[in-house]
């Protein structure tokens, strides 16, 4: 059963019983597609939570994490490069040692 049909059934089940509510209801038939679109949009936004996969919110994430920073190379970066830098900065964990910095350089594509 399609999601829109499920929303239609859900809305019909919310109506009170009685002859006034029997048959098709244009209000219900009109609301179900809207609920379906909201549901699909919420699913799309769930993918935006991950900085490594974000596309729509990448500008906002970059602003929050201070990107591009002074370490970013000159010129235009591809979406994939921007996502990699954002993911590396958002998920940074480590300490002040050579291994940590080498791994960060690898993650940012400097090696």
C-alpha atoms as a PDB file:
ATOM      1  CA  UNK A   1       0.000   0.000   0.000  1.00  0.00           C
ATOM      2  CA  UNK A   2       1.378   3.396  -0.956  1.00  0.00           C
ATOM      3  CA  UNK A   3       2.099   5.886   1.787  1.00  0.00           C
ATOM      4  CA  UNK A   4      -0.571   8.268   0.510  1.00  0.00           C
ATOM      5  CA  UNK A   5      -3.163   5.482   0.703  1.00  0.00           C
ATOM      6  CA  UNK A   6      -2.058   4.759   4.251  1.00  0.00           C
ATOM      7  CA  UNK A   7      -2.564   8.406   5.202  1.00  0.00           C
ATOM      8  CA  UNK A   8      -5.994   8.357   3.553  1.00  0.00           C
ATOM      9  CA  UNK A   9      -6.978   5.296   5.594  1.00  0.00           C
ATOM     10  CA  UNK A  10      -5.583   6.853   8.760  1.00  0.00           C
ATOM     11  CA  UNK A  11      -7.604  10.030   8.274  1.00  0.00           C
ATOM     12  CA  UNK A  12     -10.795   8.066   7.571  1.00  0.00           C
ATOM     13  CA  UNK A  13     -10.265   6.116  10.784  1.00  0.00           C
ATOM     14  CA  UNK A  14     -10.099   9.387  12.717  1.00  0.00           C
ATOM     15  CA  UNK A  15     -13.605  10.387  11.605  1.00  0.00           C
ATOM     16  CA  UNK A  16     -16.531   9.626  13.907  1.00  0.00           C
ATOM     17  CA  UNK A  17     -18.876   6.845  12.877  1.00  0.00           C
ATOM     18  CA  UNK A  18     -22.198   7.658  11.316  1.00  0.00           C
ATOM     19  CA  UNK A  19     -24.009   8.181   8.025  1.00  0.00           C
ATOM     20  CA  UNK A  20     -22.712  11.745   7.680  1.00  0.00           C
ATOM     21  CA  UNK A  21     -19.186  10.411   7.292  1.00  0.00           C
ATOM     22  CA  UNK A  22     -19.864   7.435   5.019  1.00  0.00           C
ATOM     23  CA  UNK A  23     -18.437   7.525   1.508  1.00  0.00           C
ATOM     24  CA  UNK A  24     -15.603   9.556   0.094  1.00  0.00           C
ATOM     25  CA  UNK A  25     -14.704  12.820   1.743  1.00  0.00           C
ATOM     26  CA  UNK A  26     -13.008  15.466  -0.430  1.00  0.00           C
ATOM     27  CA  UNK A  27     -11.299  16.978   2.609  1.00  0.00           C
ATOM     28  CA  UNK A  28      -9.663  13.669   3.494  1.00  0.00           C
ATOM     29  CA  UNK A  29      -8.754  13.004  -0.131  1.00  0.00           C
ATOM     30  CA  UNK A  30      -7.107  16.436  -0.245  1.00  0.00           C
ATOM     31  CA  UNK A  31      -5.227  16.149   3.051  1.00  0.00           C
ATOM     32  CA  UNK A  32      -3.632  12.767   2.400  1.00  0.00           C
ATOM     33  CA  UNK A  33      -1.350  13.984  -0.436  1.00  0.00           C
ATOM     34  CA  UNK A  34      -0.171  16.879   1.746  1.00  0.00           C
ATOM     35  CA  UNK A  35       0.694  14.550   4.604  1.00  0.00           C
ATOM     36  CA  UNK A  36       2.491  12.294   2.139  1.00  0.00           C
ATOM     37  CA  UNK A  37       4.609  15.224   0.873  1.00  0.00           C
ATOM     38  CA  UNK A  38       5.474  16.276   4.431  1.00  0.00           C
ATOM     39  CA  UNK A  39       6.508  12.695   5.228  1.00  0.00           C
ATOM     40  CA  UNK A  40       8.715  12.462   2.135  1.00  0.00           C
ATOM     41  CA  UNK A  41      10.291  15.832   2.894  1.00  0.00           C
ATOM     42  CA  UNK A  42      11.090  14.695   6.430  1.00  0.00           C
ATOM     43  CA  UNK A  43      12.783  11.598   4.991  1.00  0.00           C
ATOM     44  CA  UNK A  44      14.855  13.802   2.665  1.00  0.00           C
ATOM     45  CA  UNK A  45      15.935  16.021   5.556  1.00  0.00           C
ATOM     46  CA  UNK A  46      17.055  12.996   7.578  1.00  0.00           C
ATOM     47  CA  UNK A  47      19.843  12.477   5.034  1.00  0.00           C
ATOM     48  CA  UNK A  48      20.968  16.063   5.665  1.00  0.00           C
ATOM     49  CA  UNK A  49      21.872  15.243   9.270  1.00  0.00           C
ATOM     50  CA  UNK A  50      25.072  13.523   8.150  1.00  0.00           C
ATOM     51  CA  UNK A  51      27.718  16.118   7.192  1.00  0.00           C
ATOM     52  CA  UNK A  52      29.314  13.603   4.811  1.00  0.00           C
ATOM     53  CA  UNK A  53      26.072  13.322   2.800  1.00  0.00           C
ATOM     54  CA  UNK A  54      24.551  16.772   3.125  1.00  0.00           C
ATOM     55  CA  UNK A  55      23.840  18.768  -0.014  1.00  0.00           C
ATOM     56  CA  UNK A  56      20.976  21.111   0.781  1.00  0.00           C
ATOM     57  CA  UNK A  57      22.316  22.286   4.141  1.00  0.00           C
ATOM     58  CA  UNK A  58      26.025  22.264   3.323  1.00  0.00           C
ATOM     59  CA  UNK A  59      26.323  26.067   3.363  1.00  0.00           C
ATOM     60  CA  UNK A  60      24.768  26.228   6.819  1.00  0.00           C
ATOM     61  CA  UNK A  61      26.994  23.427   8.144  1.00  0.00           C
ATOM     62  CA  UNK A  62      30.095  25.098   6.711  1.00  0.00           C
ATOM     63  CA  UNK A  63      29.150  28.355   8.415  1.00  0.00           C
ATOM     64  CA  UNK A  64      28.645  26.564  11.749  1.00  0.00           C
ATOM     65  CA  UNK A  65      32.033  24.838  11.508  1.00  0.00           C
ATOM     66  CA  UNK A  66      33.921  27.870  10.201  1.00  0.00           C
ATOM     67  CA  UNK A  67      34.530  26.511   6.713  1.00  0.00           C
ATOM     68  CA  UNK A  68      36.112  27.251   4.383  1.00  0.00           C
ATOM     69  CA  UNK A  69      39.002  28.066   6.670  1.00  0.00           C
ATOM     70  CA  UNK A  70      42.504  29.317   5.985  1.00  0.00           C
ATOM     71  CA  UNK A  71      43.678  25.747   5.302  1.00  0.00           C
ATOM     72  CA  UNK A  72      41.302  25.294   2.365  1.00  0.00           C
ATOM     73  CA  UNK A  73      42.979  25.274  -1.038  1.00  0.00           C
ATOM     74  CA  UNK A  74      42.414  28.170  -3.413  1.00  0.00           C
ATOM     75  CA  UNK A  75      39.794  27.825  -6.111  1.00  0.00           C
ATOM     76  CA  UNK A  76      36.491  26.071  -6.396  1.00  0.00           C
ATOM     77  CA  UNK A  77      35.927  22.872  -4.455  1.00  0.00           C
ATOM     78  CA  UNK A  78      33.645  20.093  -5.610  1.00  0.00           C
ATOM     79  CA  UNK A  79      30.670  19.089  -3.511  1.00  0.00           C
ATOM     80  CA  UNK A  80      32.470  15.887  -2.545  1.00  0.00           C
ATOM     81  CA  UNK A  81      35.539  17.818  -1.369  1.00  0.00           C
ATOM     82  CA  UNK A  82      33.349  20.161   0.662  1.00  0.00           C
ATOM     83  CA  UNK A  83      31.549  17.192   2.232  1.00  0.00           C
ATOM     84  CA  UNK A  84      34.864  15.510   3.097  1.00  0.00           C
ATOM     85  CA  UNK A  85      36.224  18.635   4.776  1.00  0.00           C
ATOM     86  CA  UNK A  86      32.988  19.175   6.656  1.00  0.00           C
ATOM     87  CA  UNK A  87      32.859  15.554   7.804  1.00  0.00           C
ATOM     88  CA  UNK A  88      36.496  15.667   8.922  1.00  0.00           C
ATOM     89  CA  UNK A  89      35.927  18.844  10.910  1.00  0.00           C
ATOM     90  CA  UNK A  90      32.583  17.759  12.394  1.00  0.00           C
ATOM     91  CA  UNK A  91      33.847  14.366  13.519  1.00  0.00           C
ATOM     92  CA  UNK A  92      37.321  15.317  14.663  1.00  0.00           C
ATOM     93  CA  UNK A  93      38.518  13.301  17.638  1.00  0.00           C
ATOM     94  CA  UNK A  94      42.052  12.923  18.807  1.00  0.00           C
ATOM     95  CA  UNK A  95      44.883  14.606  20.567  1.00  0.00           C
ATOM     96  CA  UNK A  96      47.915  16.696  19.960  1.00  0.00           C
ATOM     97  CA  UNK A  97      50.253  14.154  18.398  1.00  0.00           C
ATOM     98  CA  UNK A  98      51.794  13.433  15.023  1.00  0.00           C
ATOM     99  CA  UNK A  99      49.495  10.518  14.181  1.00  0.00           C
ATOM    100  CA  UNK A 100      46.377  12.608  14.765  1.00  0.00           C
ATOM    101  CA  UNK A 101      47.582  15.388  12.487  1.00  0.00           C
ATOM    102  CA  UNK A 102      48.652  12.970   9.762  1.00  0.00           C
ATOM    103  CA  UNK A 103      45.213  11.340   9.818  1.00  0.00           C
ATOM    104  CA  UNK A 104      43.582  14.771   9.597  1.00  0.00           C
ATOM    105  CA  UNK A 105      45.767  15.672   6.631  1.00  0.00           C
ATOM    106  CA  UNK A 106      44.812  12.392   4.945  1.00  0.00           C
ATOM    107  CA  UNK A 107      41.113  13.013   5.598  1.00  0.00           C
ATOM    108  CA  UNK A 108      41.364  16.496   4.125  1.00  0.00           C
ATOM    109  CA  UNK A 109      43.258  15.300   1.063  1.00  0.00           C
ATOM    110  CA  UNK A 110      46.633  16.931   1.730  1.00  0.00           C
ATOM    111  CA  UNK A 111      48.744  13.789   1.325  1.00  0.00           C
END
